[in-house]
Amino acid sequence: LAIRQDRWCWPAAAASAAIYLVLFARGGLP
């Protein structure tokens, strides 16, 4: 979406990062 310069790339990025945040926190990687 960023390549296409579509504004909806940002919610996709935030959702991906939110999932990783939880996974890293649970994995002991603060």
All heavy atoms as atom14 arrays in JSON, in Angstrom:
{
  "sequence": "LAIRQDRWCWPAAAASAAIYLVLFARGGLP",
  "atom14_mask": [
    [1, 1, 1, 1, 1, 1, 1, 1, 0, 0, 0, 0, 0, 0],
    [1, 1, 1, 1, 1, 0, 0, 0, 0, 0, 0, 0, 0, 0],
    [1, 1, 1, 1, 1, 1, 1, 1, 0, 0, 0, 0, 0, 0],
    [1, 1, 1, 1, 1, 1, 1, 1, 1, 1, 1, 0, 0, 0],
    [1, 1, 1, 1, 1, 1, 1, 1, 1, 0, 0, 0, 0, 0],
    [1, 1, 1, 1, 1, 1, 1, 1, 0, 0, 0, 0, 0, 0],
    [1, 1, 1, 1, 1, 1, 1, 1, 1, 1, 1, 0, 0, 0],
    [1, 1, 1, 1, 1, 1, 1, 1, 1, 1, 1, 1, 1, 1],
    [1, 1, 1, 1, 1, 1, 0, 0, 0, 0, 0, 0, 0, 0],
    [1, 1, 1, 1, 1, 1, 1, 1, 1, 1, 1, 1, 1, 1],
    [1, 1, 1, 1, 1, 1, 1, 0, 0, 0, 0, 0, 0, 0],
    [1, 1, 1, 1, 1, 0, 0, 0, 0, 0, 0, 0, 0, 0],
    [1, 1, 1, 1, 1, 0, 0, 0, 0, 0, 0, 0, 0, 0],
    [1, 1, 1, 1, 1, 0, 0, 0, 0, 0, 0, 0, 0, 0],
    [1, 1, 1, 1, 1, 0, 0, 0, 0, 0, 0, 0, 0, 0],
    [1, 1, 1, 1, 1, 1, 0, 0, 0, 0, 0, 0, 0, 0],
    [1, 1, 1, 1, 1, 0, 0, 0, 0, 0, 0, 0, 0, 0],
    [1, 1, 1, 1, 1, 0, 0, 0, 0, 0, 0, 0, 0, 0],
    [1, 1, 1, 1, 1, 1, 1, 1, 0, 0, 0, 0, 0, 0],
    [1, 1, 1, 1, 1, 1, 1, 1, 1, 1, 1, 1, 0, 0],
    [1, 1, 1, 1, 1, 1, 1, 1, 0, 0, 0, 0, 0, 0],
    [1, 1, 1, 1, 1, 1, 1, 0, 0, 0, 0, 0, 0, 0],
    [1, 1, 1, 1, 1, 1, 1, 1, 0, 0, 0, 0, 0, 0],
    [1, 1, 1, 1, 1, 1, 1, 1, 1, 1, 1, 0, 0, 0],
    [1, 1, 1, 1, 1, 0, 0, 0, 0, 0, 0, 0, 0, 0],
    [1, 1, 1, 1, 1, 1, 1, 1, 1, 1, 1, 0, 0, 0],
    [1, 1, 1, 1, 0, 0, 0, 0, 0, 0, 0, 0, 0, 0],
    [1, 1, 1, 1, 0, 0, 0, 0, 0, 0, 0, 0, 0, 0],
    [1, 1, 1, 1, 1, 1, 1, 1, 0, 0, 0, 0, 0, 0],
    [1, 1, 1, 1, 1, 1, 1, 0, 0, 0, 0, 0, 0, 0]
  ],
  "atom14_positions": [
    [[0.83, -1.21, 0.0], [0.0, 0.0, 0.0], [0.86, 1.26, 0.0], [0.5, 2.26, -0.65], [-0.94, 0.0, 1.21], [-2.07, -1.04, 1.14], [-2.73, -1.19, 2.5], [-3.07, -0.65, 0.07], [0.0, 0.0, 0.0], [0.0, 0.0, 0.0], [0.0, 0.0, 0.0], [0.0, 0.0, 0.0], [0.0, 0.0, 0.0], [0.0, 0.0, 0.0]],
    [[2.0, 1.23, 0.68], [2.89, 2.39, 0.69], [3.48, 2.62, -0.7], [3.63, 3.77, -1.13], [4.0, 2.2, 1.71], [0.0, 0.0, 0.0], [0.0, 0.0, 0.0], [0.0, 0.0, 0.0], [0.0, 0.0, 0.0], [0.0, 0.0, 0.0], [0.0, 0.0, 0.0], [0.0, 0.0, 0.0], [0.0, 0.0, 0.0], [0.0, 0.0, 0.0]],
    [[3.8, 1.54, -1.41], [4.3, 1.67, -2.78], [3.26, 2.37, -3.65], [3.6, 3.22, -4.48], [4.67, 0.28, -3.35], [5.93, -0.24, -2.68], [4.84, 0.35, -4.87], [6.23, -1.69, -3.0], [0.0, 0.0, 0.0], [0.0, 0.0, 0.0], [0.0, 0.0, 0.0], [0.0, 0.0, 0.0], [0.0, 0.0, 0.0], [0.0, 0.0, 0.0]],
    [[1.99, 2.03, -3.42], [0.9, 2.65, -4.19], [0.52, 4.02, -3.65], [-0.37, 4.67, -4.16], [-0.32, 1.74, -4.16], [-0.09, 0.44, -4.91], [-1.28, -0.49, -4.83], [-2.49, 0.21, -5.23], [-3.71, -0.13, -4.83], [-3.88, -1.17, -4.03], [-4.76, 0.53, -5.23], [0.0, 0.0, 0.0], [0.0, 0.0, 0.0], [0.0, 0.0, 0.0]],
    [[1.2, 4.45, -2.58], [0.93, 5.72, -1.9], [-0.52, 5.8, -1.44], [-1.18, 6.83, -1.57], [1.3, 6.9, -2.79], [2.77, 6.94, -3.1], [3.16, 8.14, -3.94], [2.33, 8.91, -4.41], [4.46, 8.32, -4.12], [0.0, 0.0, 0.0], [0.0, 0.0, 0.0], [0.0, 0.0, 0.0], [0.0, 0.0, 0.0], [0.0, 0.0, 0.0]],
    [[-0.99, 4.7, -0.88], [-2.34, 4.6, -0.35], [-2.3, 4.85, 1.15], [-1.52, 4.22, 1.88], [-2.9, 3.2, -0.64], [-4.36, 3.04, -0.29], [-4.84, 3.71, 0.64], [-5.02, 2.24, -0.96], [0.0, 0.0, 0.0], [0.0, 0.0, 0.0], [0.0, 0.0, 0.0], [0.0, 0.0, 0.0], [0.0, 0.0, 0.0], [0.0, 0.0, 0.0]],
    [[-3.12, 5.75, 1.6], [-3.15, 6.12, 3.02], [-3.45, 4.95, 3.94], [-3.08, 4.95, 5.11], [-4.2, 7.22, 3.2], [-4.3, 7.75, 4.59], [-5.29, 8.9, 4.63], [-5.38, 9.42, 5.97], [-6.49, 9.81, 6.53], [-7.62, 9.75, 5.86], [-6.5, 10.28, 7.75], [0.0, 0.0, 0.0], [0.0, 0.0, 0.0], [0.0, 0.0, 0.0]],
    [[-4.1, 3.9, 3.44], [-4.47, 2.75, 4.26], [-3.27, 1.89, 4.64], [-3.41, 0.92, 5.38], [-5.55, 1.93, 3.58], [-6.86, 2.66, 3.64], [-7.4, 3.45, 2.67], [-7.73, 2.74, 4.76], [-8.58, 4.0, 3.11], [-8.8, 3.58, 4.4], [-7.73, 2.17, 6.04], [-9.85, 3.86, 5.27], [-8.77, 2.46, 6.9], [-9.8, 3.29, 6.5]],
    [[-2.09, 2.27, 4.17], [-0.89, 1.55, 4.6], [-0.66, 1.73, 6.1], [-0.18, 0.82, 6.78], [0.34, 1.99, 3.81], [0.91, 3.67, 4.12], [0.0, 0.0, 0.0], [0.0, 0.0, 0.0], [0.0, 0.0, 0.0], [0.0, 0.0, 0.0], [0.0, 0.0, 0.0], [0.0, 0.0, 0.0], [0.0, 0.0, 0.0], [0.0, 0.0, 0.0]],
    [[-1.06, 2.88, 6.63], [-0.78, 3.18, 8.05], [-1.58, 2.32, 9.01], [-1.01, 1.83, 10.0], [-0.97, 4.68, 8.31], [-0.02, 5.47, 7.49], [-0.34, 6.32, 6.47], [1.4, 5.46, 7.56], [0.81, 6.84, 5.91], [1.89, 6.33, 6.56], [2.33, 4.79, 8.37], [3.25, 6.54, 6.36], [3.68, 5.01, 8.17], [4.13, 5.88, 7.18]],
    [[-2.86, 2.08, 8.81], [-3.55, 1.13, 9.7], [-2.97, -0.28, 9.62], [-2.9, -0.98, 10.64], [-5.0, 1.17, 9.23], [-5.16, 2.49, 8.56], [-3.83, 2.77, 7.94], [0.0, 0.0, 0.0], [0.0, 0.0, 0.0], [0.0, 0.0, 0.0], [0.0, 0.0, 0.0], [0.0, 0.0, 0.0], [0.0, 0.0, 0.0], [0.0, 0.0, 0.0]],
    [[-2.55, -0.69, 8.43], [-1.93, -2.01, 8.3], [-0.63, -2.07, 9.09], [-0.36, -3.06, 9.79], [-1.68, -2.34, 6.83], [0.0, 0.0, 0.0], [0.0, 0.0, 0.0], [0.0, 0.0, 0.0], [0.0, 0.0, 0.0], [0.0, 0.0, 0.0], [0.0, 0.0, 0.0], [0.0, 0.0, 0.0], [0.0, 0.0, 0.0], [0.0, 0.0, 0.0]],
    [[0.16, -1.02, 9.02], [1.41, -0.96, 9.78], [1.14, -0.97, 11.29], [1.82, -1.67, 12.04], [2.2, 0.29, 9.4], [0.0, 0.0, 0.0], [0.0, 0.0, 0.0], [0.0, 0.0, 0.0], [0.0, 0.0, 0.0], [0.0, 0.0, 0.0], [0.0, 0.0, 0.0], [0.0, 0.0, 0.0], [0.0, 0.0, 0.0], [0.0, 0.0, 0.0]],
    [[0.16, -0.19, 11.72], [-0.15, -0.12, 13.15], [-0.66, -1.47, 13.66], [-0.27, -1.9, 14.76], [-1.19, 0.97, 13.41], [0.0, 0.0, 0.0], [0.0, 0.0, 0.0], [0.0, 0.0, 0.0], [0.0, 0.0, 0.0], [0.0, 0.0, 0.0], [0.0, 0.0, 0.0], [0.0, 0.0, 0.0], [0.0, 0.0, 0.0], [0.0, 0.0, 0.0]],
    [[-1.5, -2.13, 12.89], [-2.03, -3.42, 13.32], [-0.92, -4.46, 13.4], [-0.85, -5.25, 14.35], [-3.13, -3.88, 12.36], [0.0, 0.0, 0.0], [0.0, 0.0, 0.0], [0.0, 0.0, 0.0], [0.0, 0.0, 0.0], [0.0, 0.0, 0.0], [0.0, 0.0, 0.0], [0.0, 0.0, 0.0], [0.0, 0.0, 0.0], [0.0, 0.0, 0.0]],
    [[-0.04, -4.46, 12.41], [1.09, -5.39, 12.42], [1.98, -5.14, 13.64], [2.35, -6.07, 14.36], [1.91, -5.24, 11.14], [3.05, -6.05, 11.18], [0.0, 0.0, 0.0], [0.0, 0.0, 0.0], [0.0, 0.0, 0.0], [0.0, 0.0, 0.0], [0.0, 0.0, 0.0], [0.0, 0.0, 0.0], [0.0, 0.0, 0.0], [0.0, 0.0, 0.0]],
    [[2.3, -3.89, 13.88], [3.15, -3.54, 15.02], [2.48, -3.88, 16.34], [3.14, -4.31, 17.29], [3.52, -2.06, 14.97], [0.0, 0.0, 0.0], [0.0, 0.0, 0.0], [0.0, 0.0, 0.0], [0.0, 0.0, 0.0], [0.0, 0.0, 0.0], [0.0, 0.0, 0.0], [0.0, 0.0, 0.0], [0.0, 0.0, 0.0], [0.0, 0.0, 0.0]],
    [[1.16, -3.72, 16.43], [0.44, -4.04, 17.66], [0.52, -5.55, 17.95], [0.71, -5.95, 19.11], [-1.01, -3.6, 17.56], [0.0, 0.0, 0.0], [0.0, 0.0, 0.0], [0.0, 0.0, 0.0], [0.0, 0.0, 0.0], [0.0, 0.0, 0.0], [0.0, 0.0, 0.0], [0.0, 0.0, 0.0], [0.0, 0.0, 0.0], [0.0, 0.0, 0.0]],
    [[0.4, -6.35, 16.91], [0.51, -7.8, 17.11], [1.93, -8.14, 17.56], [2.13, -8.91, 18.51], [0.14, -8.55, 15.82], [-1.35, -8.37, 15.53], [0.47, -10.04, 15.95], [-1.78, -8.85, 14.15], [0.0, 0.0, 0.0], [0.0, 0.0, 0.0], [0.0, 0.0, 0.0], [0.0, 0.0, 0.0], [0.0, 0.0, 0.0], [0.0, 0.0, 0.0]],
    [[2.92, -7.57, 16.88], [4.31, -7.83, 17.28], [4.59, -7.34, 18.7], [5.33, -7.99, 19.44], [5.28, -7.19, 16.3], [5.5, -7.99, 15.05], [5.29, -7.43, 13.8], [5.92, -9.31, 15.1], [5.5, -8.16, 12.64], [6.14, -10.05, 13.95], [5.93, -9.46, 12.73], [6.13, -10.19, 11.59], [0.0, 0.0, 0.0], [0.0, 0.0, 0.0]],
    [[4.0, -6.21, 19.07], [4.18, -5.7, 20.43], [3.76, -6.75, 21.45], [4.49, -7.05, 22.4], [3.39, -4.41, 20.62], [3.56, -3.69, 21.94], [3.4, -2.2, 21.73], [2.58, -4.13, 22.99], [0.0, 0.0, 0.0], [0.0, 0.0, 0.0], [0.0, 0.0, 0.0], [0.0, 0.0, 0.0], [0.0, 0.0, 0.0], [0.0, 0.0, 0.0]],
    [[2.59, -7.32, 21.25], [2.09, -8.35, 22.18], [2.99, -9.58, 22.16], [3.35, -10.11, 23.21], [0.63, -8.72, 21.82], [0.17, -9.93, 22.62], [-0.29, -7.54, 22.05], [0.0, 0.0, 0.0], [0.0, 0.0, 0.0], [0.0, 0.0, 0.0], [0.0, 0.0, 0.0], [0.0, 0.0, 0.0], [0.0, 0.0, 0.0], [0.0, 0.0, 0.0]],
    [[3.37, -10.02, 20.97], [4.22, -11.2, 20.87], [5.57, -11.0, 21.54], [6.06, -11.88, 22.26], [4.42, -11.6, 19.4], [3.18, -12.1, 18.67], [3.47, -12.28, 17.19], [2.67, -13.39, 19.29], [0.0, 0.0, 0.0], [0.0, 0.0, 0.0], [0.0, 0.0, 0.0], [0.0, 0.0, 0.0], [0.0, 0.0, 0.0], [0.0, 0.0, 0.0]],
    [[6.18, -9.84, 21.33], [7.47, -9.57, 21.94], [7.34, -9.43, 23.45], [8.2, -9.89, 24.2], [8.11, -8.33, 21.35], [8.63, -8.51, 19.95], [8.48, -7.52, 19.01], [9.26, -9.69, 19.56], [8.96, -7.68, 17.71], [9.74, -9.87, 18.27], [9.6, -8.85, 17.35], [0.0, 0.0, 0.0], [0.0, 0.0, 0.0], [0.0, 0.0, 0.0]],
    [[6.28, -8.77, 23.9], [6.08, -8.62, 25.35], [5.9, -9.99, 26.01], [6.51, -10.26, 27.06], [4.89, -7.73, 25.63], [0.0, 0.0, 0.0], [0.0, 0.0, 0.0], [0.0, 0.0, 0.0], [0.0, 0.0, 0.0], [0.0, 0.0, 0.0], [0.0, 0.0, 0.0], [0.0, 0.0, 0.0], [0.0, 0.0, 0.0], [0.0, 0.0, 0.0]],
    [[5.11, -10.84, 25.39], [4.9, -12.19, 25.93], [6.17, -13.04, 25.85], [6.37, -13.93, 26.66], [3.77, -12.89, 25.2], [2.41, -12.36, 25.53], [1.34, -13.15, 24.82], [0.02, -12.62, 25.12], [-1.08, -13.01, 24.51], [-1.03, -13.94, 23.57], [-2.23, -12.48, 24.82], [0.0, 0.0, 0.0], [0.0, 0.0, 0.0], [0.0, 0.0, 0.0]],
    [[7.01, -12.74, 24.86], [8.24, -13.5, 24.68], [9.4, -13.02, 25.53], [10.5, -13.52, 25.4], [0.0, 0.0, 0.0], [0.0, 0.0, 0.0], [0.0, 0.0, 0.0], [0.0, 0.0, 0.0], [0.0, 0.0, 0.0], [0.0, 0.0, 0.0], [0.0, 0.0, 0.0], [0.0, 0.0, 0.0], [0.0, 0.0, 0.0], [0.0, 0.0, 0.0]],
    [[9.15, -12.04, 26.38], [10.2, -11.54, 27.26], [11.2, -10.63, 26.57], [12.37, -10.58, 26.97], [0.0, 0.0, 0.0], [0.0, 0.0, 0.0], [0.0, 0.0, 0.0], [0.0, 0.0, 0.0], [0.0, 0.0, 0.0], [0.0, 0.0, 0.0], [0.0, 0.0, 0.0], [0.0, 0.0, 0.0], [0.0, 0.0, 0.0], [0.0, 0.0, 0.0]],
    [[10.76, -9.92, 25.56], [11.62, -8.98, 24.83], [11.06, -7.57, 24.98], [10.47, -7.0, 24.05], [11.7, -9.38, 23.36], [12.29, -10.76, 23.09], [12.03, -11.2, 21.67], [13.78, -10.77, 23.4], [0.0, 0.0, 0.0], [0.0, 0.0, 0.0], [0.0, 0.0, 0.0], [0.0, 0.0, 0.0], [0.0, 0.0, 0.0], [0.0, 0.0, 0.0]],
    [[11.24, -6.97, 26.15], [10.58, -5.68, 26.42], [11.03, -4.54, 25.51], [10.21, -3.71, 25.12], [10.93, -5.4, 27.88], [12.17, -6.18, 28.13], [12.07, -7.4, 27.27], [0.0, 0.0, 0.0], [0.0, 0.0, 0.0], [0.0, 0.0, 0.0], [0.0, 0.0, 0.0], [0.0, 0.0, 0.0], [0.0, 0.0, 0.0], [0.0, 0.0, 0.0]]
  ]
}
